[in-house]
Protein backbone atom coordinates (compact mmCIF):
# COMPACT_ATOMS: atom_id res chain seq x y z
CA UNK A 1 128.80 227.17 152.61
CA UNK A 2 129.71 226.96 148.69
CA UNK A 3 130.55 223.15 148.87
CA UNK A 4 127.19 222.17 150.28
CA UNK A 5 125.14 224.06 147.69
CA UNK A 6 125.52 221.54 144.86
CA UNK A 7 124.46 218.65 147.24
CA UNK A 8 121.44 220.65 148.34
CA UNK A 9 120.53 221.22 144.73
CA UNK A 10 121.23 217.50 143.44
CA UNK A 11 119.15 215.70 146.13
CA UNK A 12 115.70 217.33 145.09
CA UNK A 13 116.50 216.44 141.44
CA UNK A 14 117.25 212.86 142.15
CA UNK A 15 113.76 212.56 144.03
CA UNK A 16 111.98 214.13 141.26
CA UNK A 17 113.70 211.79 138.74
CA UNK A 18 112.66 208.86 140.67
CA UNK A 19 109.16 210.01 141.16
CA UNK A 20 108.83 210.59 137.37
CA UNK A 21 110.44 207.11 136.71
CA UNK A 22 107.85 205.66 138.93
CA UNK A 23 104.93 207.23 137.39
CA UNK A 24 106.21 205.88 134.09
CA UNK A 25 107.13 202.40 134.98
CA UNK A 26 104.65 201.48 137.55
CA UNK A 27 102.37 199.61 135.07
CA UNK A 28 105.40 197.64 133.96
CA UNK A 29 106.36 196.67 137.40
CA UNK A 30 102.73 195.85 137.95
CA UNK A 31 102.60 193.52 134.95
CA UNK A 32 105.94 192.00 135.94
CA UNK A 33 104.67 191.19 139.35
CA UNK A 34 101.51 189.51 137.93
CA UNK A 35 103.26 187.48 135.53
CA UNK A 36 105.83 186.13 138.07
CA UNK A 37 102.93 185.50 140.32
CA UNK A 38 100.75 183.47 137.87
CA UNK A 39 103.76 181.61 136.56
CA UNK A 40 105.01 180.80 140.10
CA UNK A 41 101.58 179.44 140.97
CA UNK A 42 101.52 177.28 137.83
CA UNK A 43 104.87 175.81 138.47
CA UNK A 44 104.04 175.16 142.11
CA UNK A 45 100.98 173.24 140.99
CA UNK A 46 102.76 171.21 138.52
CA UNK A 47 105.53 170.12 140.88
CA UNK A 48 102.79 169.54 143.60
CA UNK A 49 101.25 167.19 141.15
CA UNK A 50 104.43 165.41 140.44
CA UNK A 51 105.11 164.81 144.10
CA UNK A 52 101.62 163.29 144.41
CA UNK A 53 102.26 160.88 141.61
CA UNK A 54 105.48 159.68 142.74
CA UNK A 55 103.96 157.22 145.06
CA UNK A 56 101.44 156.17 142.38
CA UNK A 57 101.95 153.03 140.46
CA UNK A 58 103.41 153.20 136.98
CA UNK A 59 100.76 152.88 134.13
CA UNK A 60 100.51 150.44 131.54
CA UNK A 61 102.32 147.12 130.80
CA UNK A 62 105.99 147.56 131.69
CA UNK A 63 109.34 145.96 132.54
CA UNK A 64 110.14 143.79 135.64
CA UNK A 65 110.24 145.92 138.89
CA UNK A 66 112.61 144.70 141.44
CA UNK A 67 112.41 142.35 143.43
CA UNK A 68 115.24 140.52 141.94
CA UNK A 69 114.66 140.54 138.26
CA UNK A 70 116.04 137.62 136.14
CA UNK A 71 118.71 138.51 133.61
CA UNK A 72 116.64 136.64 131.18
CA UNK A 73 113.17 135.22 131.61
CA UNK A 74 112.89 131.50 131.36
CA UNK A 75 110.33 129.60 129.27
CA UNK A 76 107.31 128.43 131.35
CA UNK A 77 108.66 125.94 133.91
CA UNK A 78 108.03 124.37 137.15
CA UNK A 79 111.52 124.93 138.72
CA UNK A 80 112.37 126.71 141.89
CA UNK A 81 111.63 130.38 142.38
CA UNK A 82 114.91 132.47 142.20
CA UNK A 83 113.67 135.82 140.92
CA UNK A 84 110.83 138.41 141.92
CA UNK A 85 108.99 141.02 139.94
CA UNK A 86 106.83 143.53 141.90
CA UNK A 87 105.31 144.96 138.58
CA UNK A 88 101.68 144.70 137.84
CA UNK A 89 101.33 141.81 135.57
CA UNK A 90 97.37 141.63 135.22
CA UNK A 91 95.24 144.73 135.37
CA UNK A 92 91.29 144.63 134.89
CA UNK A 93 89.44 147.78 135.05
CA UNK A 94 85.98 145.97 135.34
CA UNK A 95 85.33 142.50 136.91
CA UNK A 96 87.61 139.57 136.91
CA UNK A 97 85.68 136.28 136.64
CA UNK A 98 86.97 132.57 136.69
CA UNK A 99 84.90 129.78 135.42
CA UNK A 100 85.11 126.16 134.26
CA UNK A 101 88.68 124.70 134.72
CA UNK A 102 90.90 127.77 134.61
CA UNK A 103 93.74 127.09 136.95
CA UNK A 104 95.84 130.11 137.60
CA UNK A 105 97.23 133.77 137.18
CA UNK A 106 100.92 134.56 137.86
CA UNK A 107 102.33 137.97 139.09
CA UNK A 108 100.74 140.86 140.76
CA UNK A 109 97.12 141.44 139.75
CA UNK A 110 94.93 144.48 140.43
CA UNK A 111 91.12 144.38 139.61
CA UNK A 112 88.99 147.66 140.00
CA UNK A 113 85.78 145.68 140.26
CA UNK A 114 84.67 142.20 141.65
CA UNK A 115 86.77 139.11 141.59
CA UNK A 116 84.58 136.00 141.33
CA UNK A 117 85.80 132.44 141.38
CA UNK A 118 83.17 129.79 140.68
CA UNK A 119 84.61 126.92 138.74
CA UNK A 120 82.94 123.78 137.44
CA UNK A 121 82.19 120.73 139.34
CA UNK A 122 84.71 117.90 138.65
CA UNK A 123 87.64 120.06 138.16
CA UNK A 124 90.37 121.19 140.77
CA UNK A 125 88.50 123.66 142.94
CA UNK A 126 91.48 125.97 143.34
CA UNK A 127 92.53 129.14 141.51
CA UNK A 128 96.17 130.19 142.31
CA UNK A 129 97.06 133.95 141.99
CA UNK A 130 100.47 135.59 142.29
CA UNK A 131 102.53 132.27 142.18
CA UNK A 132 101.73 129.21 139.98
CA UNK A 133 102.93 125.75 139.49
CA UNK A 134 104.14 126.29 135.92
CA UNK A 135 104.92 129.84 134.63
CA UNK A 136 107.84 132.03 134.49
CA UNK A 137 108.30 131.20 138.11
CA UNK A 138 108.93 135.08 138.92
CA UNK A 139 106.43 136.07 141.41
CA UNK A 140 106.24 139.17 143.61
CA UNK A 141 108.09 139.59 146.99
CA UNK A 142 106.80 137.71 149.95
CA UNK A 143 104.50 139.53 151.99
CA UNK A 144 103.59 142.03 149.23
CA UNK A 145 100.19 142.37 147.50
CA UNK A 146 99.60 139.51 145.07
CA UNK A 147 95.93 140.40 144.50
CA UNK A 148 94.13 143.88 144.96
CA UNK A 149 90.46 144.02 144.52
CA UNK A 150 88.40 147.12 144.45
CA UNK A 151 85.14 145.42 144.67
CA UNK A 152 83.73 142.33 146.16
CA UNK A 153 85.76 139.09 146.64
CA UNK A 154 83.67 136.03 145.88
CA UNK A 155 84.76 132.37 146.20
CA UNK A 156 82.22 129.54 145.66
CA UNK A 157 81.50 127.26 148.51
CA UNK A 158 83.80 124.53 148.60
CA UNK A 159 86.53 126.29 146.31
CA UNK A 160 89.63 128.06 147.19
CA UNK A 161 91.65 131.18 146.23
CA UNK A 162 95.26 130.44 146.97
CA UNK A 163 97.94 133.23 147.09
CA UNK A 164 100.91 131.02 148.29
CA UNK A 165 102.84 128.07 147.42
CA UNK A 166 105.59 126.37 149.63
CA UNK A 167 107.98 129.35 150.90
CA UNK A 168 106.28 131.82 148.58
CA UNK A 169 103.40 133.85 149.98
CA UNK A 170 101.55 137.18 149.34
CA UNK A 171 98.55 139.03 150.37
CA UNK A 172 94.97 139.40 148.98
CA UNK A 173 93.15 142.61 149.72
CA UNK A 174 89.71 143.66 148.86
CA UNK A 175 87.65 146.99 149.27
CA UNK A 176 84.01 145.59 149.18
CA UNK A 177 82.97 142.37 150.93
CA UNK A 178 83.92 138.59 150.89
CA UNK A 179 81.66 135.94 150.14
CA UNK A 180 82.12 132.38 151.41
CA UNK A 181 84.81 129.99 149.89
CA UNK A 182 88.27 129.70 151.48
CA UNK A 183 91.11 132.24 150.80
CA UNK A 184 94.72 131.21 151.47
CA UNK A 185 96.44 133.37 153.19
CA UNK A 186 93.24 134.91 154.68
CA UNK A 187 92.15 137.97 152.86
CA UNK A 188 92.25 141.42 154.42
CA UNK A 189 89.69 144.05 153.86
CA UNK A 190 91.17 147.46 152.84
CA UNK A 191 88.81 150.30 151.38
CA UNK A 192 91.88 151.76 149.81
CA UNK A 193 92.98 148.57 148.16
CA UNK A 194 93.12 150.09 144.67
CA UNK A 195 93.03 153.59 145.32
CA UNK A 196 96.19 154.33 143.57
CA UNK A 197 95.01 152.47 140.43
CA UNK A 198 91.72 154.31 139.79
CA UNK A 199 93.27 156.65 136.98
CA UNK A 200 95.01 153.61 135.11
CA UNK A 201 91.65 152.53 133.46
CA UNK A 202 91.12 155.67 131.56
CA UNK A 203 94.96 155.86 130.63
CA UNK A 204 94.70 152.54 129.06
CA UNK A 205 91.78 153.43 127.02
CA UNK A 206 93.55 156.51 126.02
CA UNK A 207 96.98 154.82 125.23
CA UNK A 208 95.18 151.95 123.24
CA UNK A 209 93.41 154.38 121.03
CA UNK A 210 96.51 156.25 120.43
CA UNK A 211 98.61 153.26 119.50
CA UNK A 212 96.02 152.46 116.72
CA UNK A 213 94.89 155.63 115.33
CA UNK A 214 96.47 159.00 114.44
CA UNK A 215 93.84 161.87 114.06
CA UNK A 216 90.98 159.59 113.35
CA UNK A 217 92.86 157.26 110.81
CA UNK A 218 94.74 154.05 111.25
CA UNK A 219 98.39 154.48 112.32
CA UNK A 220 100.71 154.09 109.57
CA UNK A 221 102.23 150.55 109.22
CA UNK A 222 105.65 149.38 108.53
CA UNK A 223 104.75 146.09 107.03
CA UNK A 224 101.85 143.77 105.96
CA UNK A 225 99.61 141.40 108.04
CA UNK A 226 97.94 138.80 105.70
CA UNK A 227 95.71 136.03 106.82
CA UNK A 228 96.73 132.81 104.70
CA UNK A 229 94.16 130.61 106.39
CA UNK A 230 96.66 128.27 108.04
CA UNK A 231 98.56 131.19 109.47
CA UNK A 232 98.49 134.89 109.50
CA UNK A 233 102.01 136.22 108.37
CA UNK A 234 103.31 139.65 109.59
CA UNK A 235 106.17 140.92 107.36
CA UNK A 236 108.02 143.72 108.43
CA UNK A 237 110.23 146.27 106.65
CA UNK A 238 113.48 144.77 108.29
CA UNK A 239 114.80 148.19 109.65
CA UNK A 240 112.39 150.18 111.80
CA UNK A 241 112.73 149.77 115.57
CA UNK A 242 109.07 150.18 115.86
CA UNK A 243 107.41 147.52 113.72
CA UNK A 244 103.72 148.41 113.27
CA UNK A 245 101.12 146.05 111.81
CA UNK A 246 97.39 146.75 111.55
CA UNK A 247 95.11 143.83 111.31
CA UNK A 248 91.40 144.83 110.83
CA UNK A 249 90.43 141.25 111.00
CA UNK A 250 90.45 138.12 113.19
CA UNK A 251 93.66 135.85 113.51
CA UNK A 252 91.73 132.72 112.91
CA UNK A 253 91.50 130.06 110.45
CA UNK A 254 88.51 129.42 108.14
CA UNK A 255 85.62 128.62 110.31
CA UNK A 256 87.16 130.25 113.40
CA UNK A 257 89.71 127.50 113.94
CA UNK A 258 93.10 128.22 115.31
CA UNK A 259 96.08 129.16 113.10
CA UNK A 260 99.75 129.86 113.20
CA UNK A 261 101.04 133.31 114.13
CA UNK A 262 104.41 133.96 112.07
CA UNK A 263 106.61 137.18 111.91
CA UNK A 264 109.23 137.77 109.30
CA UNK A 265 111.43 140.77 108.58
CA UNK A 266 111.52 142.17 112.24
CA UNK A 267 114.90 143.29 113.19
CA UNK A 268 116.36 142.03 116.41
CA UNK A 269 115.38 143.90 119.43
CA UNK A 270 112.43 145.70 117.59
CA UNK A 271 109.31 146.44 119.31
CA UNK A 272 106.23 145.00 117.56
CA UNK A 273 102.88 146.55 117.64
CA UNK A 274 99.94 144.69 116.42
CA UNK A 275 96.68 146.76 116.18
CA UNK A 276 93.58 144.38 115.93
CA UNK A 277 91.17 147.14 114.97
CA UNK A 278 87.41 146.97 114.06
CA UNK A 279 85.56 148.18 111.02
CA UNK A 280 82.78 150.57 111.69
CA UNK A 281 79.72 148.59 113.38
CA UNK A 282 82.19 145.73 114.42
CA UNK A 283 82.03 144.71 118.08
CA UNK A 284 84.28 141.52 118.39
CA UNK A 285 87.97 140.67 117.65
CA UNK A 286 89.66 137.13 117.94
CA UNK A 287 92.99 135.31 118.11
CA UNK A 288 92.90 131.66 117.59
CA UNK A 289 96.48 130.46 117.83
CA UNK A 290 97.88 126.86 117.55
CA UNK A 291 101.34 128.28 117.90
CA UNK A 292 104.01 127.35 120.67
CA UNK A 293 106.73 130.06 121.32
CA UNK A 294 106.57 132.49 118.54
CA UNK A 295 109.57 132.78 116.21
CA UNK A 296 110.87 135.96 114.69
CA UNK A 297 109.92 138.23 117.51
CA UNK A 298 110.54 138.62 121.22
CA UNK A 299 107.63 137.95 123.48
CA UNK A 300 108.87 140.91 125.80
CA UNK A 301 108.58 143.45 122.81
CA UNK A 302 105.33 142.29 121.41
CA UNK A 303 102.07 144.00 121.87
CA UNK A 304 98.71 142.81 120.88
CA UNK A 305 96.43 146.00 121.12
CA UNK A 306 92.68 145.76 120.90
CA UNK A 307 91.61 149.52 120.98
CA UNK A 308 87.80 149.24 120.17
CA UNK A 309 86.37 145.64 120.25
CA UNK A 310 83.48 145.13 122.64
CA UNK A 311 84.32 141.43 122.90
CA UNK A 312 87.73 140.07 122.40
CA UNK A 313 88.26 136.18 122.29
CA UNK A 314 91.73 134.60 122.87
CA UNK A 315 91.10 130.89 121.94
CA UNK A 316 93.04 127.93 120.29
CA UNK A 317 95.27 125.15 121.62
CA UNK A 318 98.61 127.22 121.69
CA UNK A 319 100.38 129.63 123.87
CA UNK A 320 99.93 133.20 123.02
CA UNK A 321 103.25 135.09 123.72
CA UNK A 322 103.34 138.89 124.34
CA UNK A 323 101.54 141.61 126.20
CA UNK A 324 97.82 142.07 125.54
CA UNK A 325 96.10 145.59 126.00
CA UNK A 326 92.16 145.98 125.53
CA UNK A 327 91.19 149.40 125.73
CA UNK A 328 87.47 149.68 125.57
CA UNK A 329 86.22 150.16 129.17
CA UNK A 330 82.84 148.41 128.46
CA UNK A 331 84.56 145.34 126.85
CA UNK A 332 84.67 141.71 127.85
CA UNK A 333 87.67 139.57 127.09
CA UNK A 334 87.30 135.84 127.24
CA UNK A 335 90.39 133.81 127.63
CA UNK A 336 90.38 129.99 126.82
CA UNK A 337 93.93 129.66 125.66
CA UNK A 338 96.18 127.23 127.43
CA UNK A 339 98.47 130.07 128.28
CA UNK A 340 99.02 133.78 127.86
CA UNK A 341 102.72 134.56 128.38
CA UNK A 342 102.88 138.36 129.00
CA UNK A 343 101.37 141.18 130.70
CA UNK A 344 97.59 141.40 130.55
CA UNK A 345 95.86 144.88 130.84
CA UNK A 346 92.32 145.57 129.91
CA UNK A 347 90.14 148.49 130.78
CA UNK A 348 87.16 146.35 130.60
CA UNK A 349 86.40 142.83 132.23
CA UNK A 350 88.03 139.67 131.96
CA UNK A 351 86.55 135.98 131.95
CA UNK A 352 89.14 133.32 132.46
CA UNK A 353 87.74 129.99 131.49
CA UNK A 354 88.60 126.79 129.89
CA UNK A 355 86.36 126.39 126.93
CA UNK A 356 85.22 122.79 125.84
CA UNK A 357 87.35 120.00 127.10
CA UNK A 358 90.13 122.23 128.35
CA UNK A 359 91.70 122.23 131.69
CA UNK A 360 94.59 124.19 133.63
CA UNK A 361 94.35 127.63 131.75
CA UNK A 362 96.85 130.01 132.95
CA UNK A 363 98.08 133.62 132.69
CA UNK A 364 101.89 133.79 133.01
CA UNK A 365 104.01 136.52 134.19
CA UNK A 366 106.44 138.15 131.61
CA UNK A 367 107.30 141.65 131.39
CA UNK A 368 107.03 144.21 128.49
CA UNK A 369 110.27 145.90 127.46
CA UNK A 370 109.17 147.64 124.11
CA UNK A 371 109.21 151.17 123.07
CA UNK A 372 105.84 152.52 121.83
CA UNK A 373 104.48 155.75 120.45
CA UNK A 374 104.49 158.55 122.73
CA UNK A 375 100.79 159.22 123.76
CA UNK A 376 98.97 162.07 125.84
CA UNK A 377 96.35 161.55 128.23
CA UNK A 378 93.18 162.59 126.60
CA UNK A 379 90.50 160.00 127.10
CA UNK A 380 88.02 159.29 124.30
CA UNK A 381 84.43 158.94 125.37
CA UNK A 382 82.94 155.36 125.29
CA UNK A 383 79.45 155.63 123.78
CA UNK A 384 79.01 151.96 124.30
CA UNK A 385 78.71 152.60 128.16
CA UNK A 386 75.22 154.45 127.29
CA UNK A 387 74.20 151.88 124.60
CA UNK A 388 75.12 153.97 121.67
CA UNK A 389 77.08 152.35 118.90
CA UNK A 390 80.75 153.23 118.92
CA UNK A 391 81.90 155.48 116.15
CA UNK A 392 85.16 153.83 115.12
CA UNK A 393 87.67 155.41 113.07
CA UNK A 394 87.56 154.15 109.36
CA UNK A 395 90.85 153.85 107.73
CA UNK A 396 91.16 155.73 104.45
CA UNK A 397 93.94 156.59 102.16
CA UNK A 398 96.63 154.74 100.45
CA UNK A 399 97.15 151.34 102.14
CA UNK A 400 93.67 151.03 103.74
CA UNK A 401 91.71 147.98 103.08
CA UNK A 402 88.16 148.09 101.63
CA UNK A 403 85.45 147.94 104.34
CA UNK A 404 83.07 145.00 103.50
CA UNK A 405 82.53 141.41 104.41
CA UNK A 406 85.65 139.99 102.46
CA UNK A 407 89.09 140.67 104.09
CA UNK A 408 87.93 141.96 107.40
CA UNK A 409 86.46 138.91 109.31
CA UNK A 410 89.66 136.73 109.45
CA UNK A 411 88.91 135.00 106.07
CA UNK A 412 91.93 133.90 104.05
CA UNK A 413 93.14 136.81 101.92
CA UNK A 414 92.57 139.49 104.55
CA UNK A 415 95.46 141.72 104.60
CA UNK A 416 96.64 145.26 105.36
CA UNK A 417 99.79 146.86 103.68
CA UNK A 418 101.28 150.30 104.55
CA UNK A 419 101.37 153.06 102.04
CA UNK A 420 104.67 153.20 100.19
CA UNK A 421 107.54 154.79 102.28
CA UNK A 422 105.01 155.99 104.94
CA UNK A 423 107.06 157.21 108.08
CA UNK A 424 105.95 155.71 111.39
CA UNK A 425 105.04 158.07 114.04
CA UNK A 426 106.38 157.74 117.50
CA UNK A 427 109.17 155.34 116.54
CA UNK A 428 111.64 154.75 119.49
CA UNK A 429 109.31 156.44 122.30
CA UNK A 430 108.75 154.82 125.46
CA UNK A 431 105.41 153.39 126.75
CA UNK A 432 103.10 156.25 127.93
CA UNK A 433 103.01 156.35 131.85
CA UNK A 434 100.31 157.42 134.23
CA UNK A 435 100.43 160.90 135.71
CA UNK A 436 99.19 164.36 135.38
CA UNK A 437 99.48 166.30 132.21
CA UNK A 438 102.18 168.55 133.59
CA UNK A 439 103.57 169.67 130.30
CA UNK A 440 101.32 172.50 129.81
CA UNK A 441 101.43 173.75 133.38
CA UNK A 442 105.25 173.63 133.41
CA UNK A 443 105.42 175.31 129.82
CA UNK A 444 102.96 178.19 130.77
CA UNK A 445 104.52 178.65 134.08
CA UNK A 446 107.92 178.67 132.60
CA UNK A 447 106.83 181.16 129.97
CA UNK A 448 105.35 183.65 132.32
CA UNK A 449 108.07 183.66 134.80
CA UNK A 450 110.50 184.07 132.03
CA UNK A 451 108.58 187.12 130.90
CA UNK A 452 108.33 188.53 134.27
CA UNK A 453 112.10 188.22 134.62
CA UNK A 454 112.76 189.72 131.25
CA UNK A 455 110.58 192.62 132.23
CA UNK A 456 112.27 193.03 135.45
CA UNK A 457 115.81 193.23 133.55
CA UNK A 458 114.42 196.01 131.48
CA UNK A 459 113.22 197.97 134.37
CA UNK A 460 116.44 197.26 136.27
CA UNK A 461 118.45 198.63 133.17
CA UNK A 462 116.35 201.64 132.93
CA UNK A 463 116.74 202.30 136.80
CA UNK A 464 120.65 201.91 136.50
CA UNK A 465 120.50 204.48 133.58
CA UNK A 466 118.57 206.90 135.68
CA UNK A 467 120.90 206.50 138.45
CA UNK A 468 124.02 206.96 136.07
CA UNK A 469 122.40 210.14 134.65
């Protein structure tokens, strides 16, 4: 009988200890469970959003997407097609309008608004998309979308929209309605033609603003941009992997004529970001070039950024190398250049035309391989859409130009230089991509789960100590 007495005495003591421990630690256990529940929900939300975006297109101008990407892109030519690029080469957030004698647009094209072809009389009545006679000759894969339209497809009577050439052929899809004219191959109605691309318009506005401004002031530059009349000269610092030039003036000669665009002091392989910003109250910005291929910079690593112009004009008798990004959603870009050799992304509308006496204007498919500042997804409001003037950031501080008629409208002598030894934010980061802002969800979820796990360890340790006692 004696050996059983300690057991009878110990059992009630353990139960009492557990009951007392439970009363003391029940609030901690409840907090632990709540933290873990909330954190798990946030992480689940984040990963769910990630999975959804896996099928969404990559945002912003980017590199070649196989297809069969060329080792090196050729100069514009009319040779055989040997490579393919399935990346979006042209994105238009508003309407895409073809007028006068504009001829073609190479690569994959996405238009959220209407696509309207109505060329002048007496010029070839054809507009080619996807594959063109002279260009990089790197179209998308056969049978894939060459042109996606979120609105109506309009082709004037007697004119043609063509998405094929020889053995190369793609598709044309539209979400709205089709109006007269001829489309070859036959266009197909698809109400979800641009469904995956809807968020890209706002992403472009956000990214364009971020590339040009930091906390309301012009992004710090690494070199100088000086309009000398016959040429605008961009002189880099010779070392930064991201070369930033701020040009709050038009790149045109006196009287608005074309000029050369020259780059100096840019390291091999560096990304070049040119921000063509507007002074407060300004609404237009222009590049008028007489250049052939640019020297001193690689076209695949050059970005012309127009963050706040309501009207952008790309004019002259030369070729504009590099990617174009227009950020304002209410903007209209008018292209009369013979050729633009690079990605073309605008949150606004595009008018592709020929100007006085021109013929055969083309947008050619070349990738963007540069590394740009890392930007978030906050979208600034666009008051211009409601008729209000746009409150543009006014550069200030060392290196900022005086705001006034001299030096800001493209007149000779217009220039911008950086502050001495000014660091460049975002050097070496990749171009912003579309996708949900998961960082906050993941960070909060991970922190809450970690807190719950830490509290669980404390409770477990205390439980173990009680058992040992």
